[in-house]
Amino acid sequence: MSGPAAGTAVAATTTDVVCLGESMVTFLPSQPGRLADVPSFGRGIGGAESNVACALAAAGHRAAWVGRVGADGFGDHLVETIASYGVDTSAVRRDPVRPTGIYFRT
């Protein structure tokens, strides 16, 4: 059995936990109400895996998040925001064909 290709895995010796899965850019209404009545949305991130990685990093653990995002501005925002919590995002892959997932909460 051979190991992973160079540069494709988070180093186990530098990470306490690795979270793997989908994350998305979220758009949250600025006030409660029907979608037609909401004047604006705030932008955030969502996804259980990245939320856990961010919380663990904020608590002082060495956390990594592995996922795939689009090679687009939403993907940039997602990876930059998760990394800003101190999460290792070096194994995140950028997809030039499929866009980053987004969702709107109402």
PDB file of N, CA and C in Angstrom:
ATOM      1  N   MET A   1       0.853  -1.180   0.000  1.00  0.00           N
ATOM      2  CA  MET A   1       0.000   0.000   0.000  1.00  0.00           C
ATOM      3  C   MET A   1       0.891   1.232   0.000  1.00  0.00           C
ATOM      4  N   SER A   2       0.635   2.132  -0.884  1.00  0.00           N
ATOM      5  CA  SER A   2       1.442   3.345  -0.956  1.00  0.00           C
ATOM      6  C   SER A   2       0.716   4.497  -0.295  1.00  0.00           C
ATOM      7  N   GLY A   3       1.469   5.491   0.132  1.00  0.00           N
ATOM      8  CA  GLY A   3       0.905   6.668   0.783  1.00  0.00           C
ATOM      9  C   GLY A   3       0.352   7.647  -0.232  1.00  0.00           C
ATOM     10  N   PRO A   4      -0.230   8.750   0.262  1.00  0.00           N
ATOM     11  CA  PRO A   4      -0.793   9.751  -0.641  1.00  0.00           C
ATOM     12  C   PRO A   4       0.298  10.466  -1.425  1.00  0.00           C
ATOM     13  N   ALA A   5      -0.066  10.979  -2.562  1.00  0.00           N
ATOM     14  CA  ALA A   5       0.869  11.751  -3.378  1.00  0.00           C
ATOM     15  C   ALA A   5       1.317  12.991  -2.618  1.00  0.00           C
ATOM     16  N   ALA A   6       2.512  13.422  -2.879  1.00  0.00           N
ATOM     17  CA  ALA A   6       3.050  14.609  -2.210  1.00  0.00           C
ATOM     18  C   ALA A   6       2.124  15.797  -2.406  1.00  0.00           C
ATOM     19  N   GLY A   7       1.853  16.512  -1.328  1.00  0.00           N
ATOM     20  CA  GLY A   7       1.048  17.722  -1.405  1.00  0.00           C
ATOM     21  C   GLY A   7      -0.446  17.490  -1.429  1.00  0.00           C
ATOM     22  N   THR A   8      -0.897  16.244  -1.224  1.00  0.00           N
ATOM     23  CA  THR A   8      -2.339  15.990  -1.286  1.00  0.00           C
ATOM     24  C   THR A   8      -2.947  15.662   0.067  1.00  0.00           C
ATOM     25  N   ALA A   9      -2.164  15.617   1.110  1.00  0.00           N
ATOM     26  CA  ALA A   9      -2.713  15.258   2.414  1.00  0.00           C
ATOM     27  C   ALA A   9      -2.241  16.239   3.469  1.00  0.00           C
ATOM     28  N   VAL A  10      -3.061  16.428   4.472  1.00  0.00           N
ATOM     29  CA  VAL A  10      -2.692  17.240   5.618  1.00  0.00           C
ATOM     30  C   VAL A  10      -1.770  16.396   6.484  1.00  0.00           C
ATOM     31  N   ALA A  11      -0.657  16.944   6.906  1.00  0.00           N
ATOM     32  CA  ALA A  11       0.304  16.196   7.708  1.00  0.00           C
ATOM     33  C   ALA A  11      -0.293  15.818   9.058  1.00  0.00           C
ATOM     34  N   ALA A  12      -0.332  14.521   9.341  1.00  0.00           N
ATOM     35  CA  ALA A  12      -0.930  14.033  10.585  1.00  0.00           C
ATOM     36  C   ALA A  12      -0.174  14.526  11.807  1.00  0.00           C
ATOM     37  N   THR A  13       1.108  14.795  11.678  1.00  0.00           N
ATOM     38  CA  THR A  13       1.889  15.220  12.831  1.00  0.00           C
ATOM     39  C   THR A  13       1.623  16.670  13.216  1.00  0.00           C
ATOM     40  N   THR A  14       0.963  17.431  12.360  1.00  0.00           N
ATOM     41  CA  THR A  14       0.713  18.833  12.674  1.00  0.00           C
ATOM     42  C   THR A  14      -0.757  19.132  12.918  1.00  0.00           C
ATOM     43  N   THR A  15      -1.604  18.096  12.940  1.00  0.00           N
ATOM     44  CA  THR A  15      -3.042  18.311  13.041  1.00  0.00           C
ATOM     45  C   THR A  15      -3.641  17.412  14.107  1.00  0.00           C
ATOM     46  N   ASP A  16      -4.500  17.986  14.961  1.00  0.00           N
ATOM     47  CA  ASP A  16      -5.226  17.194  15.954  1.00  0.00           C
ATOM     48  C   ASP A  16      -6.454  16.540  15.343  1.00  0.00           C
ATOM     49  N   VAL A  17      -7.121  17.249  14.445  1.00  0.00           N
ATOM     50  CA  VAL A  17      -8.357  16.740  13.846  1.00  0.00           C
ATOM     51  C   VAL A  17      -8.482  17.246  12.415  1.00  0.00           C
ATOM     52  N   VAL A  18      -8.987  16.377  11.544  1.00  0.00           N
ATOM     53  CA  VAL A  18      -9.259  16.748  10.156  1.00  0.00           C
ATOM     54  C   VAL A  18     -10.754  16.591   9.918  1.00  0.00           C
ATOM     55  N   CYS A  19     -11.384  17.639   9.435  1.00  0.00           N
ATOM     56  CA  CYS A  19     -12.813  17.619   9.109  1.00  0.00           C
ATOM     57  C   CYS A  19     -12.938  17.574   7.592  1.00  0.00           C
ATOM     58  N   LEU A  20     -13.779  16.687   7.103  1.00  0.00           N
ATOM     59  CA  LEU A  20     -13.911  16.459   5.671  1.00  0.00           C
ATOM     60  C   LEU A  20     -15.361  16.607   5.261  1.00  0.00           C
ATOM     61  N   GLY A  21     -15.631  17.483   4.288  1.00  0.00           N
ATOM     62  CA  GLY A  21     -16.995  17.588   3.802  1.00  0.00           C
ATOM     63  C   GLY A  21     -17.293  18.914   3.141  1.00  0.00           C
ATOM     64  N   GLU A  22     -18.572  19.069   2.796  1.00  0.00           N
ATOM     65  CA  GLU A  22     -19.032  20.232   2.042  1.00  0.00           C
ATOM     66  C   GLU A  22     -19.281  21.441   2.940  1.00  0.00           C
ATOM     67  N   SER A  23     -18.871  22.578   2.478  1.00  0.00           N
ATOM     68  CA  SER A  23     -19.197  23.856   3.102  1.00  0.00           C
ATOM     69  C   SER A  23     -19.719  24.781   2.017  1.00  0.00           C
ATOM     70  N   MET A  24     -20.512  25.745   2.420  1.00  0.00           N
ATOM     71  CA  MET A  24     -21.106  26.673   1.457  1.00  0.00           C
ATOM     72  C   MET A  24     -21.052  28.091   1.989  1.00  0.00           C
ATOM     73  N   VAL A  25     -21.186  29.029   1.069  1.00  0.00           N
ATOM     74  CA  VAL A  25     -21.363  30.427   1.444  1.00  0.00           C
ATOM     75  C   VAL A  25     -22.846  30.604   1.749  1.00  0.00           C
ATOM     76  N   THR A  26     -23.143  31.222   2.892  1.00  0.00           N
ATOM     77  CA  THR A  26     -24.536  31.429   3.296  1.00  0.00           C
ATOM     78  C   THR A  26     -24.905  32.897   3.146  1.00  0.00           C
ATOM     79  N   PHE A  27     -26.155  33.120   2.830  1.00  0.00           N
ATOM     80  CA  PHE A  27     -26.706  34.469   2.783  1.00  0.00           C
ATOM     81  C   PHE A  27     -27.864  34.515   3.767  1.00  0.00           C
ATOM     82  N   LEU A  28     -27.722  35.377   4.783  1.00  0.00           N
ATOM     83  CA  LEU A  28     -28.696  35.482   5.861  1.00  0.00           C
ATOM     84  C   LEU A  28     -29.438  36.801   5.750  1.00  0.00           C
ATOM     85  N   PRO A  29     -30.767  36.791   5.883  1.00  0.00           N
ATOM     86  CA  PRO A  29     -31.531  38.033   5.751  1.00  0.00           C
ATOM     87  C   PRO A  29     -31.172  39.029   6.849  1.00  0.00           C
ATOM     88  N   SER A  30     -31.165  40.297   6.490  1.00  0.00           N
ATOM     89  CA  SER A  30     -30.837  41.352   7.458  1.00  0.00           C
ATOM     90  C   SER A  30     -31.958  41.569   8.465  1.00  0.00           C
ATOM     91  N   GLN A  31     -33.147  41.097   8.145  1.00  0.00           N
ATOM     92  CA  GLN A  31     -34.286  41.194   9.068  1.00  0.00           C
ATOM     93  C   GLN A  31     -35.251  40.055   8.751  1.00  0.00           C
ATOM     94  N   PRO A  32     -36.079  39.661   9.721  1.00  0.00           N
ATOM     95  CA  PRO A  32     -37.041  38.590   9.451  1.00  0.00           C
ATOM     96  C   PRO A  32     -38.099  39.034   8.450  1.00  0.00           C
ATOM     97  N   GLY A  33     -38.650  38.082   7.747  1.00  0.00           N
ATOM     98  CA  GLY A  33     -39.726  38.402   6.818  1.00  0.00           C
ATOM     99  C   GLY A  33     -39.687  37.543   5.577  1.00  0.00           C
ATOM    100  N   ARG A  34     -40.648  37.792   4.719  1.00  0.00           N
ATOM    101  CA  ARG A  34     -40.712  37.076   3.450  1.00  0.00           C
ATOM    102  C   ARG A  34     -39.533  37.472   2.570  1.00  0.00           C
ATOM    103  N   LEU A  35     -39.099  36.555   1.750  1.00  0.00           N
ATOM    104  CA  LEU A  35     -37.966  36.818   0.864  1.00  0.00           C
ATOM    105  C   LEU A  35     -38.169  38.094   0.054  1.00  0.00           C
ATOM    106  N   ALA A  36     -39.368  38.310  -0.444  1.00  0.00           N
ATOM    107  CA  ALA A  36     -39.665  39.502  -1.247  1.00  0.00           C
ATOM    108  C   ALA A  36     -39.534  40.792  -0.444  1.00  0.00           C
ATOM    109  N   ASP A  37     -39.633  40.704   0.888  1.00  0.00           N
ATOM    110  CA  ASP A  37     -39.595  41.895   1.737  1.00  0.00           C
ATOM    111  C   ASP A  37     -38.235  42.158   2.376  1.00  0.00           C
ATOM    112  N   VAL A  38     -37.304  41.227   2.267  1.00  0.00           N
ATOM    113  CA  VAL A  38     -35.989  41.389   2.897  1.00  0.00           C
ATOM    114  C   VAL A  38     -35.148  42.329   2.039  1.00  0.00           C
ATOM    115  N   PRO A  39     -34.652  43.437   2.614  1.00  0.00           N
ATOM    116  CA  PRO A  39     -33.915  44.414   1.806  1.00  0.00           C
ATOM    117  C   PRO A  39     -32.482  44.007   1.467  1.00  0.00           C
ATOM    118  N   SER A  40     -31.865  43.172   2.316  1.00  0.00           N
ATOM    119  CA  SER A  40     -30.476  42.795   2.060  1.00  0.00           C
ATOM    120  C   SER A  40     -30.129  41.516   2.817  1.00  0.00           C
ATOM    121  N   PHE A  41     -28.992  40.958   2.459  1.00  0.00           N
ATOM    122  CA  PHE A  41     -28.507  39.731   3.078  1.00  0.00           C
ATOM    123  C   PHE A  41     -27.066  39.925   3.520  1.00  0.00           C
ATOM    124  N   GLY A  42     -26.720  39.345   4.666  1.00  0.00           N
ATOM    125  CA  GLY A  42     -25.335  39.284   5.103  1.00  0.00           C
ATOM    126  C   GLY A  42     -24.724  37.986   4.605  1.00  0.00           C
ATOM    127  N   ARG A  43     -23.432  37.981   4.438  1.00  0.00           N
ATOM    128  CA  ARG A  43     -22.729  36.810   3.911  1.00  0.00           C
ATOM    129  C   ARG A  43     -21.971  36.117   5.028  1.00  0.00           C
ATOM    130  N   GLY A  44     -22.010  34.796   5.045  1.00  0.00           N
ATOM    131  CA  GLY A  44     -21.274  34.010   6.025  1.00  0.00           C
ATOM    132  C   GLY A  44     -20.854  32.685   5.413  1.00  0.00           C
ATOM    133  N   ILE A  45     -20.492  31.755   6.276  1.00  0.00           N
ATOM    134  CA  ILE A  45     -20.144  30.411   5.821  1.00  0.00           C
ATOM    135  C   ILE A  45     -20.975  29.411   6.593  1.00  0.00           C
ATOM    136  N   GLY A  46     -21.176  28.251   6.011  1.00  0.00           N
ATOM    137  CA  GLY A  46     -21.929  27.208   6.676  1.00  0.00           C
ATOM    138  C   GLY A  46     -21.465  25.838   6.238  1.00  0.00           C
ATOM    139  N   GLY A  47     -21.754  24.876   7.068  1.00  0.00           N
ATOM    140  CA  GLY A  47     -21.364  23.489   6.823  1.00  0.00           C
ATOM    141  C   GLY A  47     -20.833  22.920   8.117  1.00  0.00           C
ATOM    142  N   ALA A  48     -21.394  21.809   8.548  1.00  0.00           N
ATOM    143  CA  ALA A  48     -21.013  21.239   9.842  1.00  0.00           C
ATOM    144  C   ALA A  48     -19.512  21.016   9.952  1.00  0.00           C
ATOM    145  N   GLU A  49     -18.905  20.514   8.893  1.00  0.00           N
ATOM    146  CA  GLU A  49     -17.482  20.172   8.952  1.00  0.00           C
ATOM    147  C   GLU A  49     -16.604  21.404   9.154  1.00  0.00           C
ATOM    148  N   SER A  50     -16.854  22.444   8.394  1.00  0.00           N
ATOM    149  CA  SER A  50     -16.037  23.648   8.557  1.00  0.00           C
ATOM    150  C   SER A  50     -16.380  24.368   9.853  1.00  0.00           C
ATOM    151  N   ASN A  51     -17.642  24.318  10.283  1.00  0.00           N
ATOM    152  CA  ASN A  51     -18.009  24.923  11.570  1.00  0.00           C
ATOM    153  C   ASN A  51     -17.254  24.253  12.712  1.00  0.00           C
ATOM    154  N   VAL A  52     -17.185  22.924  12.685  1.00  0.00           N
ATOM    155  CA  VAL A  52     -16.454  22.189  13.724  1.00  0.00           C
ATOM    156  C   VAL A  52     -14.973  22.536  13.668  1.00  0.00           C
ATOM    157  N   ALA A  53     -14.393  22.558  12.475  1.00  0.00           N
ATOM    158  CA  ALA A  53     -12.971  22.886  12.344  1.00  0.00           C
ATOM    159  C   ALA A  53     -12.678  24.281  12.886  1.00  0.00           C
ATOM    160  N   CYS A  54     -13.537  25.257  12.571  1.00  0.00           N
ATOM    161  CA  CYS A  54     -13.346  26.632  13.060  1.00  0.00           C
ATOM    162  C   CYS A  54     -13.463  26.696  14.577  1.00  0.00           C
ATOM    163  N   ALA A  55     -14.445  26.010  15.135  1.00  0.00           N
ATOM    164  CA  ALA A  55     -14.631  26.019  16.591  1.00  0.00           C
ATOM    165  C   ALA A  55     -13.449  25.363  17.297  1.00  0.00           C
ATOM    166  N   LEU A  56     -12.972  24.256  16.767  1.00  0.00           N
ATOM    167  CA  LEU A  56     -11.822  23.591  17.380  1.00  0.00           C
ATOM    168  C   LEU A  56     -10.568  24.451  17.294  1.00  0.00           C
ATOM    169  N   ALA A  57     -10.347  25.092  16.152  1.00  0.00           N
ATOM    170  CA  ALA A  57      -9.184  25.973  16.011  1.00  0.00           C
ATOM    171  C   ALA A  57      -9.287  27.152  16.969  1.00  0.00           C
ATOM    172  N   ALA A  58     -10.484  27.716  17.112  1.00  0.00           N
ATOM    173  CA  ALA A  58     -10.678  28.838  18.035  1.00  0.00           C
ATOM    174  C   ALA A  58     -10.429  28.414  19.477  1.00  0.00           C
ATOM    175  N   ALA A  59     -10.643  27.129  19.771  1.00  0.00           N
ATOM    176  CA  ALA A  59     -10.419  26.608  21.124  1.00  0.00           C
ATOM    177  C   ALA A  59      -8.969  26.173  21.336  1.00  0.00           C
ATOM    178  N   GLY A  60      -8.122  26.371  20.333  1.00  0.00           N
ATOM    179  CA  GLY A  60      -6.705  26.084  20.486  1.00  0.00           C
ATOM    180  C   GLY A  60      -6.233  24.762  19.910  1.00  0.00           C
ATOM    181  N   HIS A  61      -7.099  24.022  19.259  1.00  0.00           N
ATOM    182  CA  HIS A  61      -6.702  22.758  18.637  1.00  0.00           C
ATOM    183  C   HIS A  61      -6.164  23.012  17.233  1.00  0.00           C
ATOM    184  N   ARG A  62      -5.339  22.104  16.768  1.00  0.00           N
ATOM    185  CA  ARG A  62      -4.808  22.180  15.405  1.00  0.00           C
ATOM    186  C   ARG A  62      -5.787  21.446  14.498  1.00  0.00           C
ATOM    187  N   ALA A  63      -6.585  22.211  13.767  1.00  0.00           N
ATOM    188  CA  ALA A  63      -7.645  21.641  12.939  1.00  0.00           C
ATOM    189  C   ALA A  63      -7.378  21.900  11.464  1.00  0.00           C
ATOM    190  N   ALA A  64      -7.853  20.973  10.652  1.00  0.00           N
ATOM    191  CA  ALA A  64      -7.773  21.118   9.197  1.00  0.00           C
ATOM    192  C   ALA A  64      -9.144  20.824   8.608  1.00  0.00           C
ATOM    193  N   TRP A  65      -9.446  21.489   7.503  1.00  0.00           N
ATOM    194  CA  TRP A  65     -10.677  21.205   6.763  1.00  0.00           C
ATOM    195  C   TRP A  65     -10.287  20.809   5.353  1.00  0.00           C
ATOM    196  N   VAL A  66     -10.853  19.696   4.882  1.00  0.00           N
ATOM    197  CA  VAL A  66     -10.611  19.200   3.537  1.00  0.00           C
ATOM    198  C   VAL A  66     -11.935  19.204   2.794  1.00  0.00           C
ATOM    199  N   GLY A  67     -11.963  19.830   1.644  1.00  0.00           N
ATOM    200  CA  GLY A  67     -13.176  19.882   0.843  1.00  0.00           C
ATOM    201  C   GLY A  67     -12.849  20.333  -0.563  1.00  0.00           C
ATOM    202  N   ARG A  68     -13.895  20.556  -1.330  1.00  0.00           N
ATOM    203  CA  ARG A  68     -13.738  21.036  -2.707  1.00  0.00           C
ATOM    204  C   ARG A  68     -14.672  22.221  -2.882  1.00  0.00           C
ATOM    205  N   VAL A  69     -14.144  23.292  -3.444  1.00  0.00           N
ATOM    206  CA  VAL A  69     -14.941  24.486  -3.723  1.00  0.00           C
ATOM    207  C   VAL A  69     -14.682  24.910  -5.160  1.00  0.00           C
ATOM    208  N   GLY A  70     -15.544  25.730  -5.679  1.00  0.00           N
ATOM    209  CA  GLY A  70     -15.342  26.244  -7.022  1.00  0.00           C
ATOM    210  C   GLY A  70     -14.156  27.195  -7.081  1.00  0.00           C
ATOM    211  N   ALA A  71     -13.581  27.319  -8.252  1.00  0.00           N
ATOM    212  CA  ALA A  71     -12.502  28.281  -8.477  1.00  0.00           C
ATOM    213  C   ALA A  71     -13.157  29.618  -8.810  1.00  0.00           C
ATOM    214  N   ASP A  72     -13.804  30.193  -7.792  1.00  0.00           N
ATOM    215  CA  ASP A  72     -14.576  31.421  -7.987  1.00  0.00           C
ATOM    216  C   ASP A  72     -14.483  32.290  -6.733  1.00  0.00           C
ATOM    217  N   GLY A  73     -15.097  33.441  -6.779  1.00  0.00           N
ATOM    218  CA  GLY A  73     -15.051  34.366  -5.645  1.00  0.00           C
ATOM    219  C   GLY A  73     -15.687  33.809  -4.386  1.00  0.00           C
ATOM    220  N   PHE A  74     -16.758  33.026  -4.532  1.00  0.00           N
ATOM    221  CA  PHE A  74     -17.380  32.410  -3.359  1.00  0.00           C
ATOM    222  C   PHE A  74     -16.424  31.406  -2.716  1.00  0.00           C
ATOM    223  N   GLY A  75     -15.716  30.644  -3.547  1.00  0.00           N
ATOM    224  CA  GLY A  75     -14.724  29.710  -3.020  1.00  0.00           C
ATOM    225  C   GLY A  75     -13.601  30.435  -2.303  1.00  0.00           C
ATOM    226  N   ASP A  76     -13.158  31.561  -2.882  1.00  0.00           N
ATOM    227  CA  ASP A  76     -12.129  32.374  -2.227  1.00  0.00           C
ATOM    228  C   ASP A  76     -12.599  32.811  -0.848  1.00  0.00           C
ATOM    229  N   HIS A  77     -13.825  33.329  -0.780  1.00  0.00           N
ATOM    230  CA  HIS A  77     -14.375  33.801   0.494  1.00  0.00           C
ATOM    231  C   HIS A  77     -14.445  32.665   1.510  1.00  0.00           C
ATOM    232  N   LEU A  78     -14.905  31.519   1.089  1.00  0.00           N
ATOM    233  CA  LEU A  78     -15.049  30.375   1.982  1.00  0.00           C
ATOM    234  C   LEU A  78     -13.702  29.946   2.554  1.00  0.00           C
ATOM    235  N   VAL A  79     -12.733  29.728   1.691  1.00  0.00           N
ATOM    236  CA  VAL A  79     -11.416  29.272   2.139  1.00  0.00           C
ATOM    237  C   VAL A  79     -10.734  30.335   2.998  1.00  0.00           C
ATOM    238  N   GLU A  80     -10.803  31.596   2.593  1.00  0.00           N
ATOM    239  CA  GLU A  80     -10.168  32.668   3.370  1.00  0.00           C
ATOM    240  C   GLU A  80     -10.807  32.811   4.747  1.00  0.00           C
ATOM    241  N   THR A  81     -12.125  32.703   4.824  1.00  0.00           N
ATOM    242  CA  THR A  81     -12.808  32.840   6.111  1.00  0.00           C
ATOM    243  C   THR A  81     -12.453  31.686   7.034  1.00  0.00           C
ATOM    244  N   ILE A  82     -12.483  30.473   6.526  1.00  0.00           N
ATOM    245  CA  ILE A  82     -12.141  29.308   7.350  1.00  0.00           C
ATOM    246  C   ILE A  82     -10.690  29.399   7.809  1.00  0.00           C
ATOM    247  N   ALA A  83      -9.792  29.776   6.923  1.00  0.00           N
ATOM    248  CA  ALA A  83      -8.377  29.921   7.282  1.00  0.00           C
ATOM    249  C   ALA A  83      -8.168  31.014   8.325  1.00  0.00           C
ATOM    250  N   SER A  84      -9.022  32.044   8.318  1.00  0.00           N
ATOM    251  CA  SER A  84      -8.867  33.146   9.279  1.00  0.00           C
ATOM    252  C   SER A  84      -9.081  32.686  10.721  1.00  0.00           C
ATOM    253  N   TYR A  85      -9.721  31.552  10.916  1.00  0.00           N
ATOM    254  CA  TYR A  85      -9.895  30.977  12.253  1.00  0.00           C
ATOM    255  C   TYR A  85      -8.675  30.167  12.685  1.00  0.00           C
ATOM    256  N   GLY A  86      -7.701  30.029  11.804  1.00  0.00           N
ATOM    257  CA  GLY A  86      -6.517  29.234  12.105  1.00  0.00           C
ATOM    258  C   GLY A  86      -6.619  27.800  11.622  1.00  0.00           C
ATOM    259  N   VAL A  87      -7.600  27.519  10.784  1.00  0.00           N
ATOM    260  CA  VAL A  87      -7.791  26.175  10.238  1.00  0.00           C
ATOM    261  C   VAL A  87      -6.867  25.985   9.037  1.00  0.00           C
ATOM    262  N   ASP A  88      -6.221  24.827   8.969  1.00  0.00           N
ATOM    263  CA  ASP A  88      -5.379  24.484   7.823  1.00  0.00           C
ATOM    264  C   ASP A  88      -6.287  24.139   6.640  1.00  0.00           C
ATOM    265  N   THR A  89      -6.208  24.912   5.582  1.00  0.00           N
ATOM    266  CA  THR A  89      -7.019  24.678   4.379  1.00  0.00           C
ATOM    267  C   THR A  89      -6.146  24.249   3.196  1.00  0.00           C
ATOM    268  N   SER A  90      -4.934  23.798   3.476  1.00  0.00           N
ATOM    269  CA  SER A  90      -3.990  23.489   2.397  1.00  0.00           C
ATOM    270  C   SER A  90      -4.426  22.318   1.520  1.00  0.00           C
ATOM    271  N   ALA A  91      -5.318  21.460   2.006  1.00  0.00           N
ATOM    272  CA  ALA A  91      -5.757  20.310   1.208  1.00  0.00           C
ATOM    273  C   ALA A  91      -7.082  20.563   0.488  1.00  0.00           C
ATOM    274  N   VAL A  92      -7.615  21.779   0.577  1.00  0.00           N
ATOM    275  CA  VAL A  92      -8.855  22.110  -0.135  1.00  0.00           C
ATOM    276  C   VAL A  92      -8.553  22.158  -1.630  1.00  0.00           C
ATOM    277  N   ARG A  93      -9.415  21.559  -2.411  1.00  0.00           N
ATOM    278  CA  ARG A  93      -9.252  21.546  -3.864  1.00  0.00           C
ATOM    279  C   ARG A  93     -10.187  22.553  -4.511  1.00  0.00           C
ATOM    280  N   ARG A  94      -9.710  23.196  -5.580  1.00  0.00           N
ATOM    281  CA  ARG A  94     -10.491  24.184  -6.330  1.00  0.00           C
ATOM    282  C   ARG A  94     -10.960  23.543  -7.628  1.00  0.00           C
ATOM    283  N   ASP A  95     -12.258  23.588  -7.887  1.00  0.00           N
ATOM    284  CA  ASP A  95     -12.852  22.970  -9.073  1.00  0.00           C
ATOM    285  C   ASP A  95     -13.116  24.047 -10.128  1.00  0.00           C
ATOM    286  N   PRO A  96     -12.454  23.974 -11.275  1.00  0.00           N
ATOM    287  CA  PRO A  96     -12.650  24.992 -12.310  1.00  0.00           C
ATOM    288  C   PRO A  96     -13.963  24.835 -13.082  1.00  0.00           C
ATOM    289  N   VAL A  97     -14.673  23.730 -12.878  1.00  0.00           N
ATOM    290  CA  VAL A  97     -15.900  23.460 -13.627  1.00  0.00           C
ATOM    291  C   VAL A  97     -17.150  23.706 -12.787  1.00  0.00           C
ATOM    292  N   ARG A  98     -17.157  23.219 -11.565  1.00  0.00           N
ATOM    293  CA  ARG A  98     -18.344  23.332 -10.712  1.00  0.00           C
ATOM    294  C   ARG A  98     -18.196  24.511  -9.751  1.00  0.00           C
ATOM    295  N   PRO A  99     -19.265  25.282  -9.568  1.00  0.00           N
ATOM    296  CA  PRO A  99     -19.182  26.457  -8.686  1.00  0.00           C
ATOM    297  C   PRO A  99     -19.276  26.076  -7.209  1.00  0.00           C
ATOM    298  N   THR A 100     -18.856  26.981  -6.377  1.00  0.00           N
ATOM    299  CA  THR A 100     -19.017  26.845  -4.931  1.00  0.00           C
ATOM    300  C   THR A 100     -20.499  26.878  -4.591  1.00  0.00           C
ATOM    301  N   GLY A 101     -20.893  26.027  -3.652  1.00  0.00           N
ATOM    302  CA  GLY A 101     -22.288  26.005  -3.229  1.00  0.00           C
ATOM    303  C   GLY A 101     -22.650  27.244  -2.419  1.00  0.00           C
ATOM    304  N   ILE A 102     -23.861  27.727  -2.621  1.00  0.00           N
ATOM    305  CA  ILE A 102     -24.383  28.843  -1.828  1.00  0.00           C
ATOM    306  C   ILE A 102     -25.791  28.482  -1.368  1.00  0.00           C
ATOM    307  N   TYR A 103     -26.205  29.066  -0.238  1.00  0.00           N
ATOM    308  CA  TYR A 103     -27.600  28.908   0.156  1.00  0.00           C
ATOM    309  C   TYR A 103     -28.097  30.149   0.865  1.00  0.00           C
ATOM    310  N   PHE A 104     -29.390  30.361   0.709  1.00  0.00           N
ATOM    311  CA  PHE A 104     -30.070  31.507   1.304  1.00  0.00           C
ATOM    312  C   PHE A 104     -30.963  31.008   2.422  1.00  0.00           C
ATOM    313  N   ARG A 105     -30.861  31.626   3.586  1.00  0.00           N
ATOM    314  CA  ARG A 105     -31.744  31.300   4.704  1.00  0.00           C
ATOM    315  C   ARG A 105     -32.809  32.368   4.784  1.00  0.00           C
ATOM    316  N   THR A 106     -34.027  31.936   4.967  1.00  0.00           N
ATOM    317  CA  THR A 106     -35.123  32.900   5.100  1.00  0.00           C
ATOM    318  C   THR A 106     -35.887  32.655   6.376  1.00  0.00           C
TER     319      THR A 106
END
